[in-house]
Amino acid sequence: MLMTANPCADAERWANEQDRRCAQAEALEIKAYDIVMAALASKQASWFKPHDMGEALITPDDELAEAIGCDTEVTDTFDALMTDPAALPFHMALATFIAKHRWREIAGWPDAV
């Protein structure tokens, strides 16, 4: 910040610069939202592979895992999606995977013969 002999003018310039930066950040956030939505809607999209999103490579499942539990809107929306009856095929596939890989922890060990 340029300091001059007029502290009121300096303060006004500083406040104007902060307002400009805030407005720019809001515009860039909107732009980022549009880029992310386009990447997620792509027919080539995969939730576990990195997506080119602007200058970043972002993996949606990593971002989802980070957001669940710390962002109320994401958590509530994810809960609604996963408890919808349409999620039954996903539940069945996930249950099959978990049962296959963790049956000992879930159901116990077979009895010794």
C-alpha atoms as a PDB file:
ATOM      1  CA  MET A   1       0.000   0.000   0.000  1.00  0.00           C
ATOM      2  CA  LEU A   2       1.301   3.410  -0.951  1.00  0.00           C
ATOM      3  CA  MET A   3       1.611   5.620   2.115  1.00  0.00           C
ATOM      4  CA  THR A   4       1.221   9.360   1.601  1.00  0.00           C
ATOM      5  CA  ALA A   5       0.914  12.365   3.849  1.00  0.00           C
ATOM      6  CA  ASN A   6      -2.884  11.985   3.698  1.00  0.00           C
ATOM      7  CA  PRO A   7      -3.922   9.040   5.889  1.00  0.00           C
ATOM      8  CA  CYS A   8      -7.605   9.425   4.940  1.00  0.00           C
ATOM      9  CA  ALA A   9      -6.804   9.083   1.242  1.00  0.00           C
ATOM     10  CA  ASP A  10      -4.510   6.130   2.027  1.00  0.00           C
ATOM     11  CA  ALA A  11      -7.272   4.413   3.980  1.00  0.00           C
ATOM     12  CA  GLU A  12      -9.787   5.026   1.191  1.00  0.00           C
ATOM     13  CA  ARG A  13      -7.391   3.633  -1.433  1.00  0.00           C
ATOM     14  CA  TRP A  14      -6.741   0.600   0.745  1.00  0.00           C
ATOM     15  CA  ALA A  15     -10.494   0.004   1.259  1.00  0.00           C
ATOM     16  CA  ASN A  16     -11.141   0.385  -2.473  1.00  0.00           C
ATOM     17  CA  GLU A  17      -8.376  -2.112  -3.255  1.00  0.00           C
ATOM     18  CA  GLN A  18      -9.838  -4.596  -0.767  1.00  0.00           C
ATOM     19  CA  ASP A  19     -13.305  -4.190  -2.325  1.00  0.00           C
ATOM     20  CA  ARG A  20     -11.844  -4.715  -5.807  1.00  0.00           C
ATOM     21  CA  ARG A  21     -10.006  -7.858  -4.716  1.00  0.00           C
ATOM     22  CA  CYS A  22     -13.115  -9.215  -2.997  1.00  0.00           C
ATOM     23  CA  ALA A  23     -15.225  -8.635  -6.115  1.00  0.00           C
ATOM     24  CA  GLN A  24     -12.538 -10.292  -8.251  1.00  0.00           C
ATOM     25  CA  ALA A  25     -12.408 -13.291  -5.903  1.00  0.00           C
ATOM     26  CA  GLU A  26     -16.208 -13.664  -6.077  1.00  0.00           C
ATOM     27  CA  ALA A  27     -16.120 -13.544  -9.895  1.00  0.00           C
ATOM     28  CA  LEU A  28     -13.351 -16.160  -9.986  1.00  0.00           C
ATOM     29  CA  GLU A  29     -15.310 -18.401  -7.604  1.00  0.00           C
ATOM     30  CA  ILE A  30     -18.283 -18.264  -9.999  1.00  0.00           C
ATOM     31  CA  LYS A  31     -15.967 -19.064 -12.918  1.00  0.00           C
ATOM     32  CA  ALA A  32     -14.491 -22.012 -10.978  1.00  0.00           C
ATOM     33  CA  TYR A  33     -18.001 -23.322 -10.227  1.00  0.00           C
ATOM     34  CA  ASP A  34     -18.834 -23.317 -13.942  1.00  0.00           C
ATOM     35  CA  ILE A  35     -15.572 -25.123 -14.793  1.00  0.00           C
ATOM     36  CA  VAL A  36     -16.158 -27.785 -12.115  1.00  0.00           C
ATOM     37  CA  MET A  37     -19.780 -28.349 -13.156  1.00  0.00           C
ATOM     38  CA  ALA A  38     -18.722 -28.809 -16.793  1.00  0.00           C
ATOM     39  CA  ALA A  39     -16.016 -31.301 -15.775  1.00  0.00           C
ATOM     40  CA  LEU A  40     -18.374 -33.297 -13.555  1.00  0.00           C
ATOM     41  CA  ALA A  41     -21.086 -33.376 -16.236  1.00  0.00           C
ATOM     42  CA  SER A  42     -18.695 -34.665 -18.886  1.00  0.00           C
ATOM     43  CA  LYS A  43     -19.480 -38.080 -20.322  1.00  0.00           C
ATOM     44  CA  GLN A  44     -15.793 -38.832 -19.782  1.00  0.00           C
ATOM     45  CA  ALA A  45     -16.046 -38.023 -16.067  1.00  0.00           C
ATOM     46  CA  SER A  46     -14.967 -40.599 -13.523  1.00  0.00           C
ATOM     47  CA  TRP A  47     -15.274 -39.901  -9.821  1.00  0.00           C
ATOM     48  CA  PHE A  48     -11.955 -41.513  -8.942  1.00  0.00           C
ATOM     49  CA  LYS A  49      -9.715 -40.109 -11.693  1.00  0.00           C
ATOM     50  CA  PRO A  50      -8.238 -36.611 -11.816  1.00  0.00           C
ATOM     51  CA  HIS A  51     -10.162 -34.050 -13.863  1.00  0.00           C
ATOM     52  CA  ASP A  52      -8.630 -31.073 -15.628  1.00  0.00           C
ATOM     53  CA  MET A  53     -10.343 -28.144 -13.969  1.00  0.00           C
ATOM     54  CA  GLY A  54      -8.708 -24.955 -15.092  1.00  0.00           C
ATOM     55  CA  GLU A  55      -5.116 -25.052 -13.865  1.00  0.00           C
ATOM     56  CA  ALA A  56      -5.786 -27.905 -11.424  1.00  0.00           C
ATOM     57  CA  LEU A  57      -6.118 -31.667 -11.588  1.00  0.00           C
ATOM     58  CA  ILE A  58      -8.874 -32.485  -9.107  1.00  0.00           C
ATOM     59  CA  THR A  59     -10.210 -35.901  -8.127  1.00  0.00           C
ATOM     60  CA  PRO A  60     -13.915 -35.584  -7.246  1.00  0.00           C
ATOM     61  CA  ASP A  61     -13.994 -38.481  -4.763  1.00  0.00           C
ATOM     62  CA  ASP A  62     -11.143 -36.909  -2.761  1.00  0.00           C
ATOM     63  CA  GLU A  63     -12.984 -33.591  -2.671  1.00  0.00           C
ATOM     64  CA  LEU A  64     -16.210 -35.339  -1.637  1.00  0.00           C
ATOM     65  CA  ALA A  65     -14.444 -37.160   1.201  1.00  0.00           C
ATOM     66  CA  GLU A  66     -13.021 -33.848   2.399  1.00  0.00           C
ATOM     67  CA  ALA A  67     -16.370 -32.059   2.153  1.00  0.00           C
ATOM     68  CA  ILE A  68     -18.468 -34.697   3.959  1.00  0.00           C
ATOM     69  CA  GLY A  69     -18.592 -33.832   7.605  1.00  0.00           C
ATOM     70  CA  CYS A  70     -17.193 -30.327   7.272  1.00  0.00           C
ATOM     71  CA  ASP A  71     -19.679 -28.780   4.819  1.00  0.00           C
ATOM     72  CA  THR A  72     -23.307 -29.047   5.946  1.00  0.00           C
ATOM     73  CA  GLU A  73     -24.790 -28.588   2.469  1.00  0.00           C
ATOM     74  CA  VAL A  74     -22.615 -31.322   0.946  1.00  0.00           C
ATOM     75  CA  THR A  75     -23.203 -33.669   3.894  1.00  0.00           C
ATOM     76  CA  ASP A  76     -26.981 -33.202   3.881  1.00  0.00           C
ATOM     77  CA  THR A  77     -27.221 -33.562   0.105  1.00  0.00           C
ATOM     78  CA  PHE A  78     -25.026 -36.664   0.115  1.00  0.00           C
ATOM     79  CA  ASP A  79     -27.128 -38.197   2.922  1.00  0.00           C
ATOM     80  CA  ALA A  80     -30.320 -37.541   0.933  1.00  0.00           C
ATOM     81  CA  LEU A  81     -28.798 -39.039  -2.209  1.00  0.00           C
ATOM     82  CA  MET A  82     -27.517 -42.157  -0.450  1.00  0.00           C
ATOM     83  CA  THR A  83     -30.786 -42.823   1.405  1.00  0.00           C
ATOM     84  CA  ASP A  84     -32.939 -42.436  -1.716  1.00  0.00           C
ATOM     85  CA  PRO A  85     -34.409 -45.739  -2.946  1.00  0.00           C
ATOM     86  CA  ALA A  86     -32.650 -45.122  -6.277  1.00  0.00           C
ATOM     87  CA  ALA A  87     -29.360 -45.735  -4.449  1.00  0.00           C
ATOM     88  CA  LEU A  88     -30.246 -49.422  -3.804  1.00  0.00           C
ATOM     89  CA  PRO A  89     -28.082 -50.766  -6.681  1.00  0.00           C
ATOM     90  CA  PHE A  90     -25.149 -48.769  -5.302  1.00  0.00           C
ATOM     91  CA  HIS A  91     -25.808 -50.122  -1.781  1.00  0.00           C
ATOM     92  CA  MET A  92     -25.886 -53.668  -3.132  1.00  0.00           C
ATOM     93  CA  ALA A  93     -22.625 -53.254  -5.056  1.00  0.00           C
ATOM     94  CA  LEU A  94     -20.913 -51.627  -2.072  1.00  0.00           C
ATOM     95  CA  ALA A  95     -22.232 -54.287   0.329  1.00  0.00           C
ATOM     96  CA  THR A  96     -20.879 -57.003  -1.961  1.00  0.00           C
ATOM     97  CA  PHE A  97     -17.458 -55.345  -2.056  1.00  0.00           C
ATOM     98  CA  ILE A  98     -17.331 -54.772   1.722  1.00  0.00           C
ATOM     99  CA  ALA A  99     -18.555 -58.296   2.539  1.00  0.00           C
ATOM    100  CA  LYS A 100     -15.983 -59.838   0.186  1.00  0.00           C
ATOM    101  CA  HIS A 101     -13.055 -57.890   1.634  1.00  0.00           C
ATOM    102  CA  ARG A 102     -14.022 -57.539   5.305  1.00  0.00           C
ATOM    103  CA  TRP A 103     -16.232 -60.513   6.136  1.00  0.00           C
ATOM    104  CA  ARG A 104     -13.965 -61.613   9.014  1.00  0.00           C
ATOM    105  CA  GLU A 105     -14.285 -58.287  10.806  1.00  0.00           C
ATOM    106  CA  ILE A 106     -18.030 -58.126  10.213  1.00  0.00           C
ATOM    107  CA  ALA A 107     -19.278 -61.693  10.665  1.00  0.00           C
ATOM    108  CA  GLY A 108     -16.437 -63.278  12.600  1.00  0.00           C
ATOM    109  CA  TRP A 109     -14.038 -66.151  11.973  1.00  0.00           C
ATOM    110  CA  PRO A 110     -15.177 -69.653  11.039  1.00  0.00           C
ATOM    111  CA  ASP A 111     -15.206 -72.190  13.857  1.00  0.00           C
ATOM    112  CA  ALA A 112     -12.163 -74.419  14.098  1.00  0.00           C
ATOM    113  CA  VAL A 113     -12.764 -77.980  12.926  1.00  0.00           C
END
